[in-house]
Protein backbone atom coordinates (compact mmCIF):
# COMPACT_ATOMS: atom_id res chain seq x y z
CA MET A 1 101.71 49.20 109.38
CA PHE A 2 103.25 51.59 107.16
CA ARG A 3 101.74 50.23 104.07
CA ALA A 4 98.51 50.38 105.67
CA GLN A 5 99.22 54.35 107.09
CA TRP A 6 100.24 55.18 103.51
CA MET A 7 96.99 54.05 101.82
CA PHE A 8 95.40 56.12 104.67
CA GLU A 9 97.01 59.63 104.04
CA LEU A 10 95.85 58.97 100.02
CA ALA A 11 92.40 59.02 101.16
CA PRO A 12 90.22 61.81 99.90
CA GLY A 13 89.83 64.37 102.71
CA VAL A 14 92.58 63.51 105.00
CA SER A 15 95.63 65.33 105.31
CA SER A 16 99.24 64.21 105.69
CA SER A 17 99.29 65.03 109.96
CA GLY A 18 95.68 62.83 109.58
CA LEU A 19 93.25 66.26 110.08
CA GLU A 20 90.76 67.11 107.48
CA PRO A 21 91.81 70.57 105.36
CA PRO A 22 89.60 73.65 105.59
CA PRO A 23 87.30 74.29 103.47
CA CYS A 24 87.87 76.84 100.34
CA LYS A 25 86.63 79.84 100.15
CA ALA A 26 84.64 79.78 96.67
CA SER A 27 86.42 82.63 94.25
CA SER A 28 84.34 85.02 93.22
CA LYS A 29 86.78 85.38 89.69
CA GLY A 30 85.83 82.96 86.81
CA PRO A 31 88.10 81.46 85.07
CA GLY A 32 87.70 84.16 81.76
CA VAL A 33 88.66 86.92 84.20
CA LYS A 34 91.70 84.57 85.64
CA SER A 35 93.48 84.14 82.14
CA ALA A 36 92.75 87.96 81.60
CA ASP A 37 94.75 88.80 84.61
CA ALA A 38 97.55 86.35 83.69
CA ARG A 39 97.85 87.81 80.23
CA ARG A 40 98.32 91.25 81.89
CA THR A 41 100.24 90.56 84.49
CA GLN A 42 102.28 88.66 81.60
CA GLU A 43 102.48 91.68 79.56
CA ILE A 44 103.64 93.86 82.48
CA ALA A 45 106.98 91.75 83.02
CA LYS A 46 107.39 91.47 79.69
CA GLU A 47 107.56 95.56 78.63
CA GLU A 48 109.42 95.97 82.05
CA LYS A 49 111.86 93.58 81.17
CA ALA A 50 111.88 95.41 77.30
CA LYS A 51 112.90 98.88 79.09
CA GLU A 52 115.56 96.89 81.19
CA LEU A 53 117.11 96.01 78.13
CA PHE A 54 116.37 99.16 76.36
CA LEU A 55 117.98 101.23 78.90
CA LYS A 56 121.13 98.87 79.01
CA ALA A 57 121.16 99.41 75.21
CA VAL A 58 121.42 103.14 75.53
CA GLU A 59 124.11 102.14 78.19
CA GLU A 60 126.15 100.28 76.18
CA GLU A 61 125.70 102.86 73.53
CA GLN A 62 127.17 106.18 75.31
CA ASN A 63 130.34 104.14 76.49
CA GLY A 64 131.07 103.41 72.62
CA ALA A 65 129.96 99.64 72.42
CA LEU A 66 128.26 99.61 69.50
CA TYR A 67 128.18 96.08 68.97
CA GLU A 68 126.72 95.14 72.35
CA ALA A 69 124.36 98.34 72.03
CA ILE A 70 123.17 96.96 68.80
CA LYS A 71 122.00 93.06 70.51
CA PHE A 72 120.07 94.78 73.43
CA TYR A 73 118.19 96.98 71.06
CA ARG A 74 117.32 93.79 69.20
CA LEU A 75 116.34 91.81 72.12
CA ALA A 76 114.06 95.47 73.41
CA MET A 77 112.26 95.47 70.33
CA GLN A 78 111.62 91.78 70.22
CA LEU A 79 109.58 91.97 72.89
CA VAL A 80 108.16 95.22 72.42
CA PRO A 81 108.21 96.77 69.12
CA ASP A 82 107.38 100.72 70.08
CA ILE A 83 109.28 100.04 73.37
CA GLU A 84 111.07 103.12 72.74
CA PHE A 85 107.74 105.13 72.88
CA LYS A 86 107.04 103.84 76.39
CA ILE A 87 109.66 104.39 78.28
CA THR A 88 110.00 108.03 80.43
CA TYR A 89 113.95 109.13 81.00
CA THR A 90 114.41 110.49 84.11
CA ARG A 91 117.27 112.25 82.48
CA SER A 92 118.35 112.58 78.75
CA PRO A 93 118.58 109.12 76.29
CA ASP A 94 122.00 110.70 75.58
CA GLY A 95 123.50 111.00 78.98
CA ASP A 96 126.12 112.97 80.07
CA GLY A 97 128.24 110.99 77.67
CA VAL A 98 127.05 111.69 73.78
CA GLY A 99 126.05 115.52 74.94
CA ASN A 100 129.23 116.04 76.48
CA ARG A 101 131.15 115.28 73.12
CA CYS A 102 128.59 117.52 71.16
CA VAL A 103 129.57 120.26 73.67
CA GLU A 104 133.50 119.33 73.29
CA ASP A 105 133.31 118.80 69.26
CA ASN A 106 131.79 122.32 69.05
CA LYS A 107 134.47 123.77 71.49
CA GLU A 108 137.02 121.97 69.45
CA GLU A 109 135.71 123.70 65.86
CA ASP A 110 135.61 126.83 67.57
CA LYS A 111 139.11 126.25 69.33
CA MET A 112 140.57 125.63 65.85
CA ALA A 113 138.71 128.75 64.61
CA ASP A 114 140.85 130.40 66.73
CA LEU A 115 143.86 128.81 66.04
CA LEU A 116 146.18 131.68 64.20
CA SER A 117 145.15 134.11 66.88
CA ASP A 118 145.90 131.65 69.52
CA PHE A 119 149.37 131.19 68.22
CA GLN A 120 150.08 134.73 67.31
CA GLN A 121 149.59 135.50 71.51
CA GLN A 122 151.76 132.35 72.26
CA LEU A 123 154.40 133.95 70.05
CA ALA A 124 154.13 138.11 71.20
CA LEU A 125 153.82 136.45 74.85
CA GLN A 126 157.28 134.84 74.31
CA GLU A 127 160.61 136.64 74.54
CA SER A 128 162.01 138.75 71.67
CA SER A 129 164.74 136.53 71.39
CA VAL A 130 162.78 133.42 70.61
CA LYS A 131 162.39 133.35 66.87
CA LEU A 132 159.25 132.18 64.32
CA CYS A 133 160.39 128.04 65.33
CA GLN A 134 162.98 126.53 66.45
CA PRO A 135 165.14 123.15 65.83
CA GLU A 136 163.22 120.41 67.39
CA VAL A 137 167.06 119.26 68.16
CA ASP A 138 170.29 120.61 68.21
CA VAL A 139 171.51 120.78 64.59
CA SER A 140 175.41 121.86 63.23
CA GLN A 141 173.66 123.31 60.06
CA THR A 142 171.89 126.96 59.97
CA HIS A 143 168.67 126.11 60.60
CA ILE A 144 165.60 128.07 58.81
CA SER A 145 164.10 129.54 61.50
CA VAL A 146 167.31 131.70 61.10
CA LEU A 147 166.17 133.50 58.31
CA PRO A 148 164.08 136.55 58.63
CA MET A 149 160.53 137.08 58.34
CA GLU A 150 160.41 138.33 54.36
CA VAL A 151 162.76 135.93 53.22
CA LEU A 152 160.31 132.77 54.82
CA MET A 153 157.62 135.01 53.04
CA TYR A 154 158.99 134.56 49.64
CA ILE A 155 159.81 130.86 50.28
CA PHE A 156 156.13 130.46 50.83
CA ARG A 157 155.27 131.87 47.73
CA TRP A 158 157.15 129.57 46.06
CA VAL A 159 155.78 126.83 47.77
CA VAL A 160 152.60 128.28 46.29
CA SER A 161 153.96 128.89 42.66
CA SER A 162 152.27 130.30 39.80
CA ASP A 163 150.14 127.61 39.64
CA LEU A 164 148.30 128.22 42.44
CA ASP A 165 149.50 125.25 44.62
CA LEU A 166 147.57 126.28 47.62
CA ARG A 167 147.15 122.23 48.71
CA SER A 168 151.24 122.42 49.61
CA LEU A 169 150.56 125.56 51.26
CA GLU A 170 148.39 123.70 54.16
CA GLN A 171 150.73 120.63 54.36
CA LEU A 172 153.25 123.43 55.38
CA SER A 173 151.29 124.67 57.64
CA LEU A 174 151.44 121.70 59.56
CA VAL A 175 155.26 121.77 60.45
CA CYS A 176 154.58 124.10 63.63
CA ARG A 177 152.52 127.12 64.92
CA GLY A 178 155.14 129.75 63.01
CA PHE A 179 154.56 127.83 59.54
CA TYR A 180 151.15 127.74 60.36
CA ILE A 181 151.11 131.59 61.09
CA CYS A 182 152.99 132.19 57.47
CA ALA A 183 150.55 129.68 55.74
CA ARG A 184 147.60 131.93 56.94
CA ASP A 185 149.14 135.24 55.63
CA PRO A 186 146.20 137.58 54.25
CA GLU A 187 148.35 138.40 51.43
CA ILE A 188 149.40 135.47 49.94
CA TRP A 189 145.66 134.30 50.13
CA HIS A 190 144.35 138.12 49.01
CA GLN A 191 146.54 137.73 45.57
CA VAL A 192 145.89 133.85 45.36
CA CYS A 193 142.20 135.99 44.78
CA LEU A 194 142.90 138.26 42.50
CA LYS A 195 144.46 135.63 40.07
CA ILE A 196 141.43 133.45 39.93
CA TRP A 197 138.82 136.16 39.77
CA GLY A 198 140.02 139.53 39.23
CA ARG A 199 138.95 142.65 39.88
CA SER A 200 135.54 141.13 40.75
CA CYS A 201 137.34 139.91 44.06
CA ASN A 202 137.89 143.78 45.74
CA LYS A 203 135.29 143.02 48.10
CA LEU A 204 135.48 140.72 50.56
CA VAL A 205 131.95 140.53 51.96
CA PRO A 206 130.63 138.04 52.13
CA TYR A 207 133.02 136.41 53.52
CA THR A 208 135.59 136.62 56.72
CA SER A 209 138.52 135.72 55.11
CA TRP A 210 140.41 135.60 51.79
CA ARG A 211 141.32 131.79 52.49
CA GLU A 212 137.50 131.45 53.09
CA MET A 213 136.20 133.53 49.73
CA PHE A 214 138.92 130.87 47.85
CA LEU A 215 137.32 127.64 49.89
CA GLU A 216 134.30 128.46 49.35
CA ARG A 217 133.56 131.01 46.77
CA PRO A 218 133.27 128.72 42.60
CA ARG A 219 136.14 128.69 40.97
CA VAL A 220 137.45 126.23 38.41
CA ARG A 221 140.47 123.85 39.44
CA PHE A 222 144.30 123.78 38.35
CA ASP A 223 145.76 121.42 39.34
CA GLY A 224 144.27 118.66 37.23
CA VAL A 225 141.86 118.00 34.30
CA TYR A 226 138.32 117.48 33.72
CA ILE A 227 137.25 114.77 31.41
CA SER A 228 134.65 113.56 30.10
CA LYS A 229 134.29 109.93 28.15
CA THR A 230 131.50 109.53 25.19
CA LYS A 231 130.37 106.09 23.87
CA TYR A 232 127.73 106.03 21.21
CA ILE A 233 126.89 103.38 18.23
CA ARG A 234 127.01 104.01 14.62
CA GLN A 235 125.53 102.42 11.77
CA GLY A 236 128.13 101.42 9.25
CA GLU A 237 128.19 101.04 5.64
CA GLN A 238 125.88 98.12 4.11
CA SER A 239 127.64 95.11 2.61
CA LEU A 240 128.44 94.19 -1.08
CA ASP A 241 126.29 91.66 -1.22
CA GLY A 242 123.29 93.51 0.87
CA PHE A 243 122.84 90.69 3.46
CA TYR A 244 124.29 92.74 6.53
CA ARG A 245 124.94 96.10 7.84
CA ALA A 246 128.01 96.74 10.08
CA TRP A 247 127.47 98.87 13.89
CA HIS A 248 130.65 100.52 14.82
CA GLN A 249 130.65 101.83 18.79
CA VAL A 250 132.17 104.81 19.02
CA GLU A 251 134.51 105.60 21.64
CA TYR A 252 136.09 109.28 22.78
CA TYR A 253 137.77 111.34 25.44
CA ARG A 254 137.43 115.00 25.68
CA TYR A 255 140.30 116.71 28.08
CA LEU A 256 140.05 120.64 29.74
CA ARG A 257 143.16 122.02 31.70
CA PHE A 258 142.80 125.34 32.97
CA PHE A 259 145.58 127.70 33.53
CA PRO A 260 145.60 130.34 36.81
CA ASP A 261 146.76 133.02 33.89
CA GLY A 262 143.39 132.57 32.25
CA GLN A 263 144.22 130.15 29.45
CA VAL A 264 142.21 126.92 28.82
CA MET A 265 143.62 124.28 27.02
CA MET A 266 140.81 121.07 24.86
CA LEU A 267 141.54 118.01 23.22
CA THR A 268 139.43 115.33 21.90
CA THR A 269 140.67 112.10 21.26
CA PRO A 270 140.21 108.43 21.12
CA GLU A 271 143.35 107.66 23.42
CA ASP A 272 142.70 107.23 26.93
CA PRO A 273 143.54 109.29 30.35
CA GLN A 274 147.12 107.84 31.16
CA SER A 275 148.99 108.56 27.36
CA ILE A 276 146.92 112.10 26.84
CA VAL A 277 147.43 113.52 30.44
CA PRO A 278 150.83 113.82 30.83
CA ARG A 279 150.97 115.73 27.77
CA LEU A 280 148.94 118.44 29.37
CA ARG A 281 151.40 119.94 32.00
CA THR A 282 152.32 123.18 30.05
CA LYS A 283 151.06 125.04 27.84
CA ASN A 284 153.81 124.19 25.08
CA THR A 285 152.82 120.40 24.46
CA ARG A 286 153.99 119.53 20.86
CA THR A 287 149.78 117.76 20.23
CA ASP A 288 148.69 119.00 17.32
CA ALA A 289 144.93 118.51 17.77
CA ILE A 290 144.65 120.47 20.83
CA LEU A 291 143.09 123.96 20.92
CA LEU A 292 143.98 126.71 23.05
CA GLY A 293 142.38 129.88 24.14
CA HIS A 294 141.04 132.18 27.15
CA PHE A 295 138.00 131.48 29.47
CA ARG A 296 136.69 133.52 32.60
CA LEU A 297 134.24 133.25 35.04
CA SER A 298 130.33 134.85 35.08
CA GLN A 299 128.81 134.39 38.38
CA GLU A 300 124.73 135.09 37.10
CA THR A 301 122.57 136.77 39.04
CA ASP A 302 120.94 132.97 39.58
CA ASN A 303 123.78 132.37 42.15
CA GLN A 304 125.24 130.06 39.06
CA THR A 305 128.79 130.09 37.89
CA LYS A 306 129.19 129.32 34.46
CA VAL A 307 132.75 129.13 32.45
CA PHE A 308 132.87 130.80 29.15
CA ALA A 309 135.81 130.04 26.72
CA VAL A 310 137.07 130.78 23.06
CA ILE A 311 139.11 128.12 21.72
CA MET A 312 141.09 127.89 18.68
CA LYS A 313 144.06 125.53 16.68
CA LYS A 314 147.22 126.44 17.39
CA LYS A 315 148.74 128.58 14.25
CA GLU A 316 150.93 126.75 12.15
CA GLU A 317 154.43 128.57 10.97
CA LYS A 318 154.37 128.65 7.11
CA PRO A 319 156.20 126.93 5.17
CA ILE A 320 159.52 128.47 3.47
CA ASP A 321 159.63 129.51 -0.45
CA CYS A 322 161.08 127.58 -2.77
CA PRO A 323 163.34 129.18 -4.78
CA LYS A 324 162.66 127.40 -8.10
CA CYS A 325 159.41 127.68 -7.36
CA ARG A 326 158.78 131.87 -6.87
CA TYR A 327 158.44 132.59 -10.67
CA PHE A 328 155.29 130.20 -10.56
CA ARG A 329 151.98 132.15 -10.61
CA ARG A 330 150.04 130.63 -7.99
CA VAL A 331 146.10 130.99 -7.25
CA PRO A 332 146.42 132.28 -3.38
CA ALA A 333 144.05 130.48 -1.06
CA GLN A 334 140.85 132.39 0.97
CA GLU A 335 142.32 132.13 4.23
CA THR A 336 139.98 131.37 7.00
CA ASP A 337 139.90 131.65 11.27
CA TYR A 338 138.04 129.14 13.38
CA SER A 339 137.21 129.71 16.88
CA PHE A 340 134.83 127.63 19.22
CA HIS A 341 132.84 129.16 21.49
CA VAL A 342 132.30 126.57 24.44
CA GLY A 343 129.87 127.45 27.84
CA LEU A 344 129.85 125.71 30.82
CA GLN A 345 128.33 125.84 33.98
CA LEU A 346 130.13 124.77 37.12
CA TYR A 347 128.48 122.21 39.60
CA SER A 348 130.09 120.39 42.93
CA SER A 349 129.69 116.28 42.72
CA GLY A 350 130.23 114.52 46.04
CA ARG A 351 132.85 115.44 48.59
CA GLN A 352 135.19 116.74 45.88
CA ARG A 353 133.98 120.50 45.31
CA PHE A 354 133.97 122.23 41.64
CA ASN A 355 134.66 119.25 40.13
CA LYS A 356 131.78 118.51 37.41
CA LEU A 357 131.13 120.80 33.98
CA VAL A 358 127.38 120.56 31.96
CA TRP A 359 127.77 121.48 28.60
CA ILE A 360 125.28 124.59 27.92
CA HIS A 361 126.44 126.22 24.53
CA HIS A 362 128.89 125.02 22.08
CA SER A 363 129.26 126.59 18.24
CA CYS A 364 131.96 127.11 15.81
CA HIS A 365 132.57 130.54 14.35
CA LEU A 366 134.08 130.75 10.84
CA THR A 367 135.98 134.31 9.79
CA CYS A 368 136.85 134.75 6.14
CA LYS A 369 139.97 137.33 6.63
CA SER A 370 139.39 138.92 3.02
CA THR A 371 135.73 140.01 3.19
CA GLY A 372 135.58 139.89 7.42
CA GLU A 373 132.63 137.96 7.15
CA THR A 374 131.72 135.58 10.11
CA ALA A 375 129.67 132.50 9.91
CA VAL A 376 128.35 130.74 13.23
CA THR A 377 127.39 127.14 13.51
CA THR A 378 125.72 125.98 16.85
CA PHE A 379 126.25 122.47 17.80
CA ASP A 380 123.04 120.91 19.99
CA ILE A 381 123.75 119.78 23.35
CA ASP A 382 122.84 116.28 22.81
CA LYS A 383 124.03 112.84 24.89
CA VAL A 384 126.72 113.43 23.05
CA TYR A 385 127.93 116.43 25.39
CA THR A 386 128.33 114.28 28.45
CA PRO A 387 129.87 116.09 31.91
CA LEU A 388 133.42 116.56 32.49
CA PHE A 389 134.99 115.39 35.69
CA PHE A 390 137.61 116.35 37.49
CA ALA A 391 140.89 113.76 37.95
CA ARG A 392 144.07 115.89 40.24
CA VAL A 393 146.66 115.28 38.54
CA LYS A 394 150.04 115.64 41.41
CA SER A 395 152.73 115.76 38.32
CA PHE A 396 151.31 119.42 37.53
CA THR A 397 152.64 120.77 40.95
CA ALA A 398 155.36 118.86 41.41
CA PHE A 399 157.46 121.61 40.18
CA SER A 400 157.60 125.75 40.71
CA GLU A 401 158.80 127.26 37.89
CA LYS A 402 158.46 130.90 39.10
CA PRO A 403 156.71 132.48 42.68
CA LEU A 404 152.86 133.92 43.61
């Protein structure tokens, strides 16, 4: 009985209730139109999904989760490559997070710019008995805050020293608010600028402070050495049997050390910096091949800063005449003086400032003392004259010989 009913329901035109189904209306759309509608529906759904993923990525980026944001960005662009241009933002894509962070950064910069005046106002509002700085904990020894302002400023001048160690001055300003105010004293920075540029820095314009002039105006650096390394191949002599000719690789260094008093040292040697740089700490070095001289900075009309120097070999002491040889007649040798004229152009490269010197001129001047005539030999600036790059040497400013 059950089997007969089941076979009856499987018959065409008969429903499970035993009634005939109602006739279906003929569709007005063909099969091609149906497939186009289905495809359009899929594209809309894909675009909506991509929009959702992209907005999720923006939210993650604002929250600082960059790894998750990249993952959602990638998924969104896999669905719709140009989804970024199909989104209509109801608010800025940066939202309140990124925009506010930019505003906060600008406020922090303004606050740092006015930090000196802020500290000065705080100290002015305090009681007159409060000193420039106070010990953090109670100490039995005499604290530096007991010293008068004049003595403190003299100590700060010793920190800067005659070597113009402004890096140590900036580190000292991080101790407390009082030291920060002392380290920003305009008189210190004015004297530093006078030692570097001389009379050409009497006017502060276009800078707002002497410290800004020191930081922004091009200058040579004194807390290290400018070094260049040169390599080239030189052809040697032919062998005795004539079968081969040797080739030699020549490698040497040039060292250039500037001093705040306008003096400069130059040394050309094949020895590496590890053995040479310690000898260049003072001007009283015993290295025989070193050249000493003076330099000056020149600000050209094309806004290019150039360094010109005249250097010569150290004068050797004349040997003492032997008493036995004083009666012998000697032919006096013709005495000559020779000096080297050097021209360099100052550049900034990478993150460091004023750390590159490019050769623009090099000549030798030979002067005969008896006649006063001078012969000039100018060298061609070719590949052998490689640029000199600055290397900071901590030991150069480790000791102070005299104050600023």
